[in-house]
PDB file of N, CA and C in Angstrom:
ATOM      1  N   MET A   1     -10.750  -2.307 -11.012  1.00  0.00           N
ATOM      2  CA  MET A   1      -9.853  -2.040 -12.100  1.00  0.00           C
ATOM      3  C   MET A   1     -10.538  -2.407 -13.407  1.00  0.00           C
ATOM      4  N   LYS A   2     -10.489  -1.500 -14.377  1.00  0.00           N
ATOM      5  CA  LYS A   2     -11.073  -1.774 -15.682  1.00  0.00           C
ATOM      6  C   LYS A   2      -9.984  -1.669 -16.734  1.00  0.00           C
ATOM      7  N   GLY A   3      -9.790  -2.721 -17.511  1.00  0.00           N
ATOM      8  CA  GLY A   3      -8.799  -2.692 -18.573  1.00  0.00           C
ATOM      9  C   GLY A   3      -7.424  -2.299 -18.073  1.00  0.00           C
ATOM     10  N   ASP A   4      -6.800  -1.347 -18.785  1.00  0.00           N
ATOM     11  CA  ASP A   4      -5.468  -0.882 -18.411  1.00  0.00           C
ATOM     12  C   ASP A   4      -5.505   0.334 -17.506  1.00  0.00           C
ATOM     13  N   ILE A   5      -6.690   0.842 -17.195  1.00  0.00           N
ATOM     14  CA  ILE A   5      -6.803   2.036 -16.373  1.00  0.00           C
ATOM     15  C   ILE A   5      -6.920   1.643 -14.918  1.00  0.00           C
ATOM     16  N   LEU A   6      -6.068   2.247 -14.077  1.00  0.00           N
ATOM     17  CA  LEU A   6      -6.137   1.982 -12.648  1.00  0.00           C
ATOM     18  C   LEU A   6      -7.185   2.894 -12.048  1.00  0.00           C
ATOM     19  N   VAL A   7      -8.112   2.320 -11.314  1.00  0.00           N
ATOM     20  CA  VAL A   7      -9.161   3.092 -10.671  1.00  0.00           C
ATOM     21  C   VAL A   7      -8.981   2.970  -9.174  1.00  0.00           C
ATOM     22  N   SER A   8      -9.022   4.094  -8.469  1.00  0.00           N
ATOM     23  CA  SER A   8      -8.844   4.059  -7.029  1.00  0.00           C
ATOM     24  C   SER A   8      -9.713   5.121  -6.396  1.00  0.00           C
ATOM     25  N   VAL A   9     -10.844   4.705  -5.836  1.00  0.00           N
ATOM     26  CA  VAL A   9     -11.723   5.655  -5.185  1.00  0.00           C
ATOM     27  C   VAL A   9     -11.377   5.746  -3.709  1.00  0.00           C
ATOM     28  N   ALA A  10     -10.822   4.702  -3.204  1.00  0.00           N
ATOM     29  CA  ALA A  10     -10.382   4.626  -1.811  1.00  0.00           C
ATOM     30  C   ALA A  10      -9.429   3.446  -1.724  1.00  0.00           C
ATOM     31  N   THR A  11      -8.823   3.292  -0.578  1.00  0.00           N
ATOM     32  CA  THR A  11      -7.902   2.168  -0.446  1.00  0.00           C
ATOM     33  C   THR A  11      -8.669   0.854  -0.530  1.00  0.00           C
ATOM     34  N   ILE A  12      -7.990  -0.161  -1.028  1.00  0.00           N
ATOM     35  CA  ILE A  12      -8.575  -1.483  -1.230  1.00  0.00           C
ATOM     36  C   ILE A  12      -7.992  -2.429  -0.186  1.00  0.00           C
ATOM     37  N   ASN A  13      -8.831  -3.210   0.470  1.00  0.00           N
ATOM     38  CA  ASN A  13      -8.357  -4.197   1.443  1.00  0.00           C
ATOM     39  C   ASN A  13      -7.967  -5.473   0.714  1.00  0.00           C
ATOM     40  N   LEU A  14      -6.769  -5.964   0.995  1.00  0.00           N
ATOM     41  CA  LEU A  14      -6.274  -7.179   0.357  1.00  0.00           C
ATOM     42  C   LEU A  14      -6.211  -8.322   1.351  1.00  0.00           C
ATOM     43  N   THR A  15      -6.399  -9.526   0.840  1.00  0.00           N
ATOM     44  CA  THR A  15      -6.264 -10.744   1.628  1.00  0.00           C
ATOM     45  C   THR A  15      -5.317 -11.681   0.878  1.00  0.00           C
ATOM     46  N   ARG A  16      -4.907 -12.755   1.531  1.00  0.00           N
ATOM     47  CA  ARG A  16      -3.985 -13.683   0.858  1.00  0.00           C
ATOM     48  C   ARG A  16      -4.621 -14.289  -0.389  1.00  0.00           C
ATOM     49  N   SER A  17      -5.949 -14.372  -0.440  1.00  0.00           N
ATOM     50  CA  SER A  17      -6.600 -14.970  -1.608  1.00  0.00           C
ATOM     51  C   SER A  17      -6.573 -14.069  -2.845  1.00  0.00           C
ATOM     52  N   ASP A  18      -6.447 -12.753  -2.667  1.00  0.00           N
ATOM     53  CA  ASP A  18      -6.425 -11.873  -3.834  1.00  0.00           C
ATOM     54  C   ASP A  18      -5.159 -11.022  -3.939  1.00  0.00           C
ATOM     55  N   PHE A  19      -4.230 -11.176  -3.002  1.00  0.00           N
ATOM     56  CA  PHE A  19      -3.037 -10.327  -2.958  1.00  0.00           C
ATOM     57  C   PHE A  19      -2.225 -10.402  -4.249  1.00  0.00           C
ATOM     58  N   ASP A  20      -1.858 -11.608  -4.671  1.00  0.00           N
ATOM     59  CA  ASP A  20      -1.017 -11.752  -5.864  1.00  0.00           C
ATOM     60  C   ASP A  20      -1.688 -11.154  -7.093  1.00  0.00           C
ATOM     61  N   GLU A  21      -2.966 -11.442  -7.262  1.00  0.00           N
ATOM     62  CA  GLU A  21      -3.692 -10.929  -8.424  1.00  0.00           C
ATOM     63  C   GLU A  21      -3.745  -9.397  -8.418  1.00  0.00           C
ATOM     64  N   LYS A  22      -4.032  -8.816  -7.273  1.00  0.00           N
ATOM     65  CA  LYS A  22      -4.224  -7.365  -7.213  1.00  0.00           C
ATOM     66  C   LYS A  22      -2.923  -6.577  -7.171  1.00  0.00           C
ATOM     67  N   THR A  23      -1.814  -7.213  -6.828  1.00  0.00           N
ATOM     68  CA  THR A  23      -0.544  -6.484  -6.850  1.00  0.00           C
ATOM     69  C   THR A  23       0.178  -6.642  -8.180  1.00  0.00           C
ATOM     70  N   LYS A  24      -0.428  -7.329  -9.116  1.00  0.00           N
ATOM     71  CA  LYS A  24       0.158  -7.462 -10.445  1.00  0.00           C
ATOM     72  C   LYS A  24      -0.173  -6.268 -11.327  1.00  0.00           C
ATOM     73  N   ALA A  25      -0.976  -5.335 -10.820  1.00  0.00           N
ATOM     74  CA  ALA A  25      -1.253  -4.104 -11.561  1.00  0.00           C
ATOM     75  C   ALA A  25       0.060  -3.363 -11.733  1.00  0.00           C
ATOM     76  N   ARG A  26       0.084  -2.390 -12.552  1.00  0.00           N
ATOM     77  CA  ARG A  26       1.327  -1.664 -12.831  1.00  0.00           C
ATOM     78  C   ARG A  26       2.030  -1.201 -11.562  1.00  0.00           C
ATOM     79  N   LEU A  27       1.340  -0.465 -10.695  1.00  0.00           N
ATOM     80  CA  LEU A  27       1.964   0.045  -9.478  1.00  0.00           C
ATOM     81  C   LEU A  27       0.953   0.005  -8.343  1.00  0.00           C
ATOM     82  N   VAL A  28       1.328  -0.685  -7.253  1.00  0.00           N
ATOM     83  CA  VAL A  28       0.424  -0.841  -6.111  1.00  0.00           C
ATOM     84  C   VAL A  28       1.197  -0.540  -4.829  1.00  0.00           C
ATOM     85  N   MET A  29       0.648   0.354  -4.008  1.00  0.00           N
ATOM     86  CA  MET A  29       1.219   0.681  -2.706  1.00  0.00           C
ATOM     87  C   MET A  29       0.389  -0.065  -1.668  1.00  0.00           C
ATOM     88  N   VAL A  30       1.043  -0.906  -0.860  1.00  0.00           N
ATOM     89  CA  VAL A  30       0.331  -1.722   0.125  1.00  0.00           C
ATOM     90  C   VAL A  30       0.733  -1.292   1.531  1.00  0.00           C
ATOM     91  N   ASP A  31      -0.259  -0.904   2.322  1.00  0.00           N
ATOM     92  CA  ASP A  31      -0.072  -0.494   3.710  1.00  0.00           C
ATOM     93  C   ASP A  31      -0.376  -1.690   4.609  1.00  0.00           C
ATOM     94  N   PHE A  32       0.659  -2.203   5.288  1.00  0.00           N
ATOM     95  CA  PHE A  32       0.475  -3.262   6.273  1.00  0.00           C
ATOM     96  C   PHE A  32       0.210  -2.567   7.607  1.00  0.00           C
ATOM     97  N   TRP A  33      -0.945  -2.818   8.214  1.00  0.00           N
ATOM     98  CA  TRP A  33      -1.411  -2.057   9.369  1.00  0.00           C
ATOM     99  C   TRP A  33      -2.195  -2.949  10.318  1.00  0.00           C
ATOM    100  N   ALA A  34      -2.595  -2.369  11.468  1.00  0.00           N
ATOM    101  CA  ALA A  34      -3.491  -3.037  12.420  1.00  0.00           C
ATOM    102  C   ALA A  34      -4.368  -1.973  13.079  1.00  0.00           C
ATOM    103  N   GLU A  35      -5.547  -2.377  13.466  1.00  0.00           N
ATOM    104  CA  GLU A  35      -6.524  -1.464  14.078  1.00  0.00           C
ATOM    105  C   GLU A  35      -6.000  -0.829  15.367  1.00  0.00           C
ATOM    106  N   TRP A  36      -5.228  -1.567  16.156  1.00  0.00           N
ATOM    107  CA  TRP A  36      -4.753  -1.099  17.450  1.00  0.00           C
ATOM    108  C   TRP A  36      -3.514  -0.208  17.370  1.00  0.00           C
ATOM    109  N   CYS A  37      -2.951  -0.048  16.198  1.00  0.00           N
ATOM    110  CA  CYS A  37      -1.693   0.674  15.992  1.00  0.00           C
ATOM    111  C   CYS A  37      -1.928   2.177  15.827  1.00  0.00           C
ATOM    112  N   GLY A  38      -1.418   2.969  16.776  1.00  0.00           N
ATOM    113  CA  GLY A  38      -1.586   4.420  16.725  1.00  0.00           C
ATOM    114  C   GLY A  38      -1.046   5.068  15.459  1.00  0.00           C
ATOM    115  N   PRO A  39       0.222   4.805  15.086  1.00  0.00           N
ATOM    116  CA  PRO A  39       0.745   5.386  13.849  1.00  0.00           C
ATOM    117  C   PRO A  39      -0.032   4.937  12.604  1.00  0.00           C
ATOM    118  N   CYS A  40      -0.585   3.719  12.641  1.00  0.00           N
ATOM    119  CA  CYS A  40      -1.396   3.238  11.516  1.00  0.00           C
ATOM    120  C   CYS A  40      -2.658   4.086  11.373  1.00  0.00           C
ATOM    121  N   LYS A  41      -3.225   4.485  12.506  1.00  0.00           N
ATOM    122  CA  LYS A  41      -4.425   5.331  12.474  1.00  0.00           C
ATOM    123  C   LYS A  41      -4.112   6.701  11.897  1.00  0.00           C
ATOM    124  N   MET A  42      -2.878   7.167  12.079  1.00  0.00           N
ATOM    125  CA  MET A  42      -2.481   8.450  11.491  1.00  0.00           C
ATOM    126  C   MET A  42      -2.250   8.307   9.987  1.00  0.00           C
ATOM    127  N   SER A  43      -1.731   7.167   9.563  1.00  0.00           N
ATOM    128  CA  SER A  43      -1.434   6.994   8.141  1.00  0.00           C
ATOM    129  C   SER A  43      -2.683   6.747   7.301  1.00  0.00           C
ATOM    130  N   GLY A  44      -3.721   6.164   7.898  1.00  0.00           N
ATOM    131  CA  GLY A  44      -4.939   5.837   7.152  1.00  0.00           C
ATOM    132  C   GLY A  44      -5.525   6.998   6.366  1.00  0.00           C
ATOM    133  N   PRO A  45      -5.823   8.131   7.018  1.00  0.00           N
ATOM    134  CA  PRO A  45      -6.404   9.260   6.288  1.00  0.00           C
ATOM    135  C   PRO A  45      -5.468   9.823   5.212  1.00  0.00           C
ATOM    136  N   VAL A  46      -4.166   9.786   5.471  1.00  0.00           N
ATOM    137  CA  VAL A  46      -3.197  10.276   4.487  1.00  0.00           C
ATOM    138  C   VAL A  46      -3.249   9.402   3.238  1.00  0.00           C
ATOM    139  N   LEU A  47      -3.279   8.093   3.435  1.00  0.00           N
ATOM    140  CA  LEU A  47      -3.324   7.175   2.297  1.00  0.00           C
ATOM    141  C   LEU A  47      -4.653   7.269   1.552  1.00  0.00           C
ATOM    142  N   GLU A  48      -5.750   7.480   2.274  1.00  0.00           N
ATOM    143  CA  GLU A  48      -7.053   7.670   1.614  1.00  0.00           C
ATOM    144  C   GLU A  48      -6.999   8.891   0.698  1.00  0.00           C
ATOM    145  N   GLN A  49      -6.433   9.996   1.201  1.00  0.00           N
ATOM    146  CA  GLN A  49      -6.308  11.217   0.403  1.00  0.00           C
ATOM    147  C   GLN A  49      -5.418  10.963  -0.815  1.00  0.00           C
ATOM    148  N   MET A  50      -4.305  10.286  -0.607  1.00  0.00           N
ATOM    149  CA  MET A  50      -3.397   9.996  -1.714  1.00  0.00           C
ATOM    150  C   MET A  50      -4.030   9.067  -2.740  1.00  0.00           C
ATOM    151  N   SER A  51      -4.926   8.206  -2.281  1.00  0.00           N
ATOM    152  CA  SER A  51      -5.634   7.305  -3.171  1.00  0.00           C
ATOM    153  C   SER A  51      -6.398   8.098  -4.231  1.00  0.00           C
ATOM    154  N   ASP A  52      -7.000   9.201  -3.800  1.00  0.00           N
ATOM    155  CA  ASP A  52      -7.710  10.074  -4.742  1.00  0.00           C
ATOM    156  C   ASP A  52      -6.730  10.882  -5.592  1.00  0.00           C
ATOM    157  N   GLU A  53      -5.712  11.444  -4.959  1.00  0.00           N
ATOM    158  CA  GLU A  53      -4.738  12.288  -5.656  1.00  0.00           C
ATOM    159  C   GLU A  53      -3.980  11.539  -6.748  1.00  0.00           C
ATOM    160  N   TYR A  54      -3.657  10.287  -6.483  1.00  0.00           N
ATOM    161  CA  TYR A  54      -2.839   9.520  -7.417  1.00  0.00           C
ATOM    162  C   TYR A  54      -3.638   8.489  -8.207  1.00  0.00           C
ATOM    163  N   ALA A  55      -4.955   8.638  -8.209  1.00  0.00           N
ATOM    164  CA  ALA A  55      -5.812   7.721  -8.971  1.00  0.00           C
ATOM    165  C   ALA A  55      -5.346   7.678 -10.424  1.00  0.00           C
ATOM    166  N   GLY A  56      -5.279   6.465 -10.966  1.00  0.00           N
ATOM    167  CA  GLY A  56      -4.838   6.294 -12.337  1.00  0.00           C
ATOM    168  C   GLY A  56      -3.339   6.079 -12.454  1.00  0.00           C
ATOM    169  N   ARG A  57      -2.586   6.401 -11.387  1.00  0.00           N
ATOM    170  CA  ARG A  57      -1.138   6.209 -11.416  1.00  0.00           C
ATOM    171  C   ARG A  57      -0.691   5.131 -10.449  1.00  0.00           C
ATOM    172  N   VAL A  58      -1.398   4.979  -9.336  1.00  0.00           N
ATOM    173  CA  VAL A  58      -1.046   3.970  -8.337  1.00  0.00           C
ATOM    174  C   VAL A  58      -2.322   3.523  -7.629  1.00  0.00           C
ATOM    175  N   VAL A  59      -2.398   2.239  -7.302  1.00  0.00           N
ATOM    176  CA  VAL A  59      -3.497   1.710  -6.511  1.00  0.00           C
ATOM    177  C   VAL A  59      -2.988   1.612  -5.079  1.00  0.00           C
ATOM    178  N   ILE A  60      -3.739   2.187  -4.145  1.00  0.00           N
ATOM    179  CA  ILE A  60      -3.328   2.139  -2.740  1.00  0.00           C
ATOM    180  C   ILE A  60      -4.203   1.120  -2.017  1.00  0.00           C
ATOM    181  N   SER A  61      -3.537   0.156  -1.375  1.00  0.00           N
ATOM    182  CA  SER A  61      -4.214  -0.975  -0.750  1.00  0.00           C
ATOM    183  C   SER A  61      -3.773  -1.128   0.695  1.00  0.00           C
ATOM    184  N   LYS A  62      -4.529  -1.951   1.445  1.00  0.00           N
ATOM    185  CA  LYS A  62      -4.226  -2.187   2.853  1.00  0.00           C
ATOM    186  C   LYS A  62      -4.280  -3.677   3.155  1.00  0.00           C
ATOM    187  N   VAL A  63      -3.413  -4.106   4.069  1.00  0.00           N
ATOM    188  CA  VAL A  63      -3.426  -5.479   4.574  1.00  0.00           C
ATOM    189  C   VAL A  63      -3.438  -5.395   6.098  1.00  0.00           C
ATOM    190  N   ASP A  64      -4.469  -5.954   6.713  1.00  0.00           N
ATOM    191  CA  ASP A  64      -4.568  -6.014   8.168  1.00  0.00           C
ATOM    192  C   ASP A  64      -3.688  -7.165   8.644  1.00  0.00           C
ATOM    193  N   VAL A  65      -2.584  -6.832   9.325  1.00  0.00           N
ATOM    194  CA  VAL A  65      -1.615  -7.860   9.724  1.00  0.00           C
ATOM    195  C   VAL A  65      -2.178  -8.836  10.757  1.00  0.00           C
ATOM    196  N   ASP A  66      -3.201  -8.426  11.501  1.00  0.00           N
ATOM    197  CA  ASP A  66      -3.793  -9.339  12.480  1.00  0.00           C
ATOM    198  C   ASP A  66      -4.585 -10.456  11.810  1.00  0.00           C
ATOM    199  N   SER A  67      -5.247 -10.154  10.712  1.00  0.00           N
ATOM    200  CA  SER A  67      -6.024 -11.189  10.029  1.00  0.00           C
ATOM    201  C   SER A  67      -5.258 -11.826   8.873  1.00  0.00           C
ATOM    202  N   GLU A  68      -4.168 -11.211   8.464  1.00  0.00           N
ATOM    203  CA  GLU A  68      -3.376 -11.732   7.337  1.00  0.00           C
ATOM    204  C   GLU A  68      -1.915 -11.926   7.761  1.00  0.00           C
ATOM    205  N   THR A  69      -1.725 -12.725   8.810  1.00  0.00           N
ATOM    206  CA  THR A  69      -0.379 -12.942   9.344  1.00  0.00           C
ATOM    207  C   THR A  69       0.558 -13.597   8.321  1.00  0.00           C
ATOM    208  N   GLU A  70       0.010 -14.450   7.457  1.00  0.00           N
ATOM    209  CA  GLU A  70       0.825 -15.108   6.427  1.00  0.00           C
ATOM    210  C   GLU A  70       1.452 -14.087   5.485  1.00  0.00           C
ATOM    211  N   LEU A  71       0.650 -13.109   5.065  1.00  0.00           N
ATOM    212  CA  LEU A  71       1.163 -12.078   4.159  1.00  0.00           C
ATOM    213  C   LEU A  71       2.220 -11.222   4.847  1.00  0.00           C
ATOM    214  N   ALA A  72       1.961 -10.850   6.086  1.00  0.00           N
ATOM    215  CA  ALA A  72       2.929 -10.042   6.826  1.00  0.00           C
ATOM    216  C   ALA A  72       4.251 -10.790   6.950  1.00  0.00           C
ATOM    217  N   SER A  73       4.176 -12.068   7.239  1.00  0.00           N
ATOM    218  CA  SER A  73       5.370 -12.882   7.370  1.00  0.00           C
ATOM    219  C   SER A  73       6.087 -13.037   6.026  1.00  0.00           C
ATOM    220  N   LYS A  74       5.333 -13.301   4.983  1.00  0.00           N
ATOM    221  CA  LYS A  74       5.905 -13.491   3.646  1.00  0.00           C
ATOM    222  C   LYS A  74       6.733 -12.287   3.215  1.00  0.00           C
ATOM    223  N   TYR A  75       6.269 -11.086   3.568  1.00  0.00           N
ATOM    224  CA  TYR A  75       6.962  -9.859   3.157  1.00  0.00           C
ATOM    225  C   TYR A  75       7.838  -9.272   4.261  1.00  0.00           C
ATOM    226  N   GLY A  76       8.082 -10.025   5.309  1.00  0.00           N
ATOM    227  CA  GLY A  76       9.003  -9.610   6.355  1.00  0.00           C
ATOM    228  C   GLY A  76       8.587  -8.360   7.100  1.00  0.00           C
ATOM    229  N   VAL A  77       7.289  -8.193   7.280  1.00  0.00           N
ATOM    230  CA  VAL A  77       6.784  -7.026   7.997  1.00  0.00           C
ATOM    231  C   VAL A  77       6.925  -7.285   9.489  1.00  0.00           C
ATOM    232  N   MET A  78       7.856  -6.558  10.117  1.00  0.00           N
ATOM    233  CA  MET A  78       8.127  -6.729  11.538  1.00  0.00           C
ATOM    234  C   MET A  78       7.600  -5.560  12.365  1.00  0.00           C
ATOM    235  N   SER A  79       7.420  -4.411  11.734  1.00  0.00           N
ATOM    236  CA  SER A  79       6.912  -3.203  12.390  1.00  0.00           C
ATOM    237  C   SER A  79       5.803  -2.630  11.517  1.00  0.00           C
ATOM    238  N   ILE A  80       4.836  -2.022  12.181  1.00  0.00           N
ATOM    239  CA  ILE A  80       3.763  -1.394  11.422  1.00  0.00           C
ATOM    240  C   ILE A  80       3.618   0.053  11.866  1.00  0.00           C
ATOM    241  N   PRO A  81       3.174   0.919  10.986  1.00  0.00           N
ATOM    242  CA  PRO A  81       2.862   0.618   9.590  1.00  0.00           C
ATOM    243  C   PRO A  81       4.126   0.387   8.756  1.00  0.00           C
ATOM    244  N   THR A  82       3.994  -0.503   7.810  1.00  0.00           N
ATOM    245  CA  THR A  82       5.000  -0.691   6.765  1.00  0.00           C
ATOM    246  C   THR A  82       4.260  -0.574   5.446  1.00  0.00           C
ATOM    247  N   VAL A  83       4.762   0.273   4.582  1.00  0.00           N
ATOM    248  CA  VAL A  83       4.164   0.447   3.258  1.00  0.00           C
ATOM    249  C   VAL A  83       5.160  -0.079   2.234  1.00  0.00           C
ATOM    250  N   ILE A  84       4.693  -1.005   1.413  1.00  0.00           N
ATOM    251  CA  ILE A  84       5.539  -1.593   0.376  1.00  0.00           C
ATOM    252  C   ILE A  84       4.962  -1.227  -0.987  1.00  0.00           C
ATOM    253  N   LEU A  85       5.841  -0.779  -1.862  1.00  0.00           N
ATOM    254  CA  LEU A  85       5.448  -0.422  -3.220  1.00  0.00           C
ATOM    255  C   LEU A  85       5.797  -1.585  -4.143  1.00  0.00           C
ATOM    256  N   PHE A  86       4.806  -2.063  -4.883  1.00  0.00           N
ATOM    257  CA  PHE A  86       4.978  -3.164  -5.831  1.00  0.00           C
ATOM    258  C   PHE A  86       4.780  -2.650  -7.248  1.00  0.00           C
ATOM    259  N   ARG A  87       5.644  -3.083  -8.151  1.00  0.00           N
ATOM    260  CA  ARG A  87       5.463  -2.814  -9.580  1.00  0.00           C
ATOM    261  C   ARG A  87       5.387  -4.171 -10.257  1.00  0.00           C
ATOM    262  N   ASP A  88       4.265  -4.419 -10.913  1.00  0.00           N
ATOM    263  CA  ASP A  88       4.048  -5.689 -11.611  1.00  0.00           C
ATOM    264  C   ASP A  88       4.311  -6.891 -10.709  1.00  0.00           C
ATOM    265  N   GLY A  89       3.864  -6.791  -9.441  1.00  0.00           N
ATOM    266  CA  GLY A  89       3.961  -7.904  -8.506  1.00  0.00           C
ATOM    267  C   GLY A  89       5.277  -8.024  -7.764  1.00  0.00           C
ATOM    268  N   GLN A  90       6.251  -7.162  -8.068  1.00  0.00           N
ATOM    269  CA  GLN A  90       7.563  -7.224  -7.432  1.00  0.00           C
ATOM    270  C   GLN A  90       7.781  -6.016  -6.525  1.00  0.00           C
ATOM    271  N   GLU A  91       8.321  -6.248  -5.331  1.00  0.00           N
ATOM    272  CA  GLU A  91       8.615  -5.136  -4.423  1.00  0.00           C
ATOM    273  C   GLU A  91       9.692  -4.241  -5.022  1.00  0.00           C
ATOM    274  N   VAL A  92       9.429  -2.926  -5.012  1.00  0.00           N
ATOM    275  CA  VAL A  92      10.426  -1.980  -5.517  1.00  0.00           C
ATOM    276  C   VAL A  92      10.945  -1.050  -4.429  1.00  0.00           C
ATOM    277  N   SER A  93      10.168  -0.874  -3.351  1.00  0.00           N
ATOM    278  CA  SER A  93      10.579   0.013  -2.279  1.00  0.00           C
ATOM    279  C   SER A  93       9.679  -0.195  -1.075  1.00  0.00           C
ATOM    280  N   ARG A  94      10.148   0.266   0.109  1.00  0.00           N
ATOM    281  CA  ARG A  94       9.306   0.177   1.299  1.00  0.00           C
ATOM    282  C   ARG A  94       9.605   1.317   2.254  1.00  0.00           C
ATOM    283  N   GLN A  95       8.592   1.676   3.041  1.00  0.00           N
ATOM    284  CA  GLN A  95       8.691   2.695   4.089  1.00  0.00           C
ATOM    285  C   GLN A  95       8.226   2.041   5.377  1.00  0.00           C
ATOM    286  N   ILE A  96       9.111   2.004   6.379  1.00  0.00           N
ATOM    287  CA  ILE A  96       8.751   1.422   7.677  1.00  0.00           C
ATOM    288  C   ILE A  96       8.489   2.568   8.635  1.00  0.00           C
ATOM    289  N   GLY A  97       7.347   2.528   9.300  1.00  0.00           N
ATOM    290  CA  GLY A  97       6.957   3.605  10.201  1.00  0.00           C
ATOM    291  C   GLY A  97       6.216   4.698   9.450  1.00  0.00           C
ATOM    292  N   PHE A  98       5.568   5.554  10.203  1.00  0.00           N
ATOM    293  CA  PHE A  98       4.795   6.636   9.599  1.00  0.00           C
ATOM    294  C   PHE A  98       5.677   7.872   9.446  1.00  0.00           C
ATOM    295  N   ALA A  99       5.956   8.239   8.199  1.00  0.00           N
ATOM    296  CA  ALA A  99       6.792   9.409   7.912  1.00  0.00           C
ATOM    297  C   ALA A  99       5.962  10.543   7.328  1.00  0.00           C
ATOM    298  N   GLY A 100       4.644  10.449   7.479  1.00  0.00           N
ATOM    299  CA  GLY A 100       3.767  11.482   6.940  1.00  0.00           C
ATOM    300  C   GLY A 100       3.618  11.357   5.435  1.00  0.00           C
ATOM    301  N   LYS A 101       2.841  12.267   4.891  1.00  0.00           N
ATOM    302  CA  LYS A 101       2.595  12.249   3.451  1.00  0.00           C
ATOM    303  C   LYS A 101       3.898  12.374   2.678  1.00  0.00           C
ATOM    304  N   ALA A 102       4.810  13.199   3.179  1.00  0.00           N
ATOM    305  CA  ALA A 102       6.089  13.403   2.495  1.00  0.00           C
ATOM    306  C   ALA A 102       6.840  12.082   2.310  1.00  0.00           C
ATOM    307  N   GLY A 103       6.787  11.214   3.303  1.00  0.00           N
ATOM    308  CA  GLY A 103       7.451   9.923   3.198  1.00  0.00           C
ATOM    309  C   GLY A 103       6.843   9.051   2.117  1.00  0.00           C
ATOM    310  N   TYR A 104       5.517   9.071   2.025  1.00  0.00           N
ATOM    311  CA  TYR A 104       4.846   8.271   0.998  1.00  0.00           C
ATOM    312  C   TYR A 104       5.065   8.851  -0.396  1.00  0.00           C
ATOM    313  N   VAL A 105       5.085  10.179  -0.497  1.00  0.00           N
ATOM    314  CA  VAL A 105       5.350  10.821  -1.781  1.00  0.00           C
ATOM    315  C   VAL A 105       6.776  10.492  -2.216  1.00  0.00           C
ATOM    316  N   SER A 106       7.710  10.483  -1.271  1.00  0.00           N
ATOM    317  CA  SER A 106       9.087  10.126  -1.573  1.00  0.00           C
ATOM    318  C   SER A 106       9.186   8.685  -2.100  1.00  0.00           C
ATOM    319  N   LEU A 107       8.415   7.802  -1.508  1.00  0.00           N
ATOM    320  CA  LEU A 107       8.359   6.402  -1.952  1.00  0.00           C
ATOM    321  C   LEU A 107       7.890   6.339  -3.405  1.00  0.00           C
ATOM    322  N   LEU A 108       6.865   7.103  -3.734  1.00  0.00           N
ATOM    323  CA  LEU A 108       6.351   7.139  -5.110  1.00  0.00           C
ATOM    324  C   LEU A 108       7.362   7.789  -6.053  1.00  0.00           C
ATOM    325  N   ALA A 109       8.079   8.793  -5.568  1.00  0.00           N
ATOM    326  CA  ALA A 109       9.078   9.469  -6.405  1.00  0.00           C
ATOM    327  C   ALA A 109      10.176   8.503  -6.810  1.00  0.00           C
ATOM    328  N   LYS A 110      10.566   7.607  -5.884  1.00  0.00           N
ATOM    329  CA  LYS A 110      11.597   6.614  -6.198  1.00  0.00           C
ATOM    330  C   LYS A 110      11.146   5.705  -7.344  1.00  0.00           C
ATOM    331  N   ALA A 111       9.842   5.551  -7.480  1.00  0.00           N
ATOM    332  CA  ALA A 111       9.296   4.700  -8.543  1.00  0.00           C
ATOM    333  C   ALA A 111       8.956   5.507  -9.787  1.00  0.00           C
ATOM    334  N   GLY A 112       9.244   6.811  -9.746  1.00  0.00           N
ATOM    335  CA  GLY A 112       9.009   7.652 -10.917  1.00  0.00           C
ATOM    336  C   GLY A 112       7.584   8.126 -11.099  1.00  0.00           C
ATOM    337  N   VAL A 113       6.778   8.076 -10.023  1.00  0.00           N
ATOM    338  CA  VAL A 113       5.383   8.477 -10.128  1.00  0.00           C
ATOM    339  C   VAL A 113       5.222   9.985 -10.011  1.00  0.00           C
ATOM    340  N   VAL A 114       6.019  10.631  -9.166  1.00  0.00           N
ATOM    341  CA  VAL A 114       5.900  12.093  -8.971  1.00  0.00           C
ATOM    342  C   VAL A 114       7.121  12.815  -9.474  1.00  0.00           C
TER     343      VAL A 114
END
C-alpha cells in the first residue's frame, strides 16, 4: 500500500501480527480459509481475479485458519470459507460458504463498491 492508494496485485496473507494494521485500510475483504477445504480451493482463484478487477477499491486478503486460530476465533469463524468485509478496521458484512463470484460481488455491493 502506498499513501492513500490501495494496491492489490494478488491476495495478501494476513497474520495476527499484521491483521489490525492491514485491515485499517479503507476497505479490506478477508477470506478465512484452509488448505484442506474444498470450497476454499474453489474460492481462491475467484478472489485472485477479483483482486485485480477491484484493485484500488478494495484489498483482498487471506487468513489461514489452521495457522491463525486466534484470528478465526476472534471473528467467530466457525465454517470456511468465510469472507468478512472490513471498512476502516470494522466488520461491515460477511459471506459464509462459497457463493461464487456473484456472492462476493454482492458483498462488495452492500458496501457501495459496485
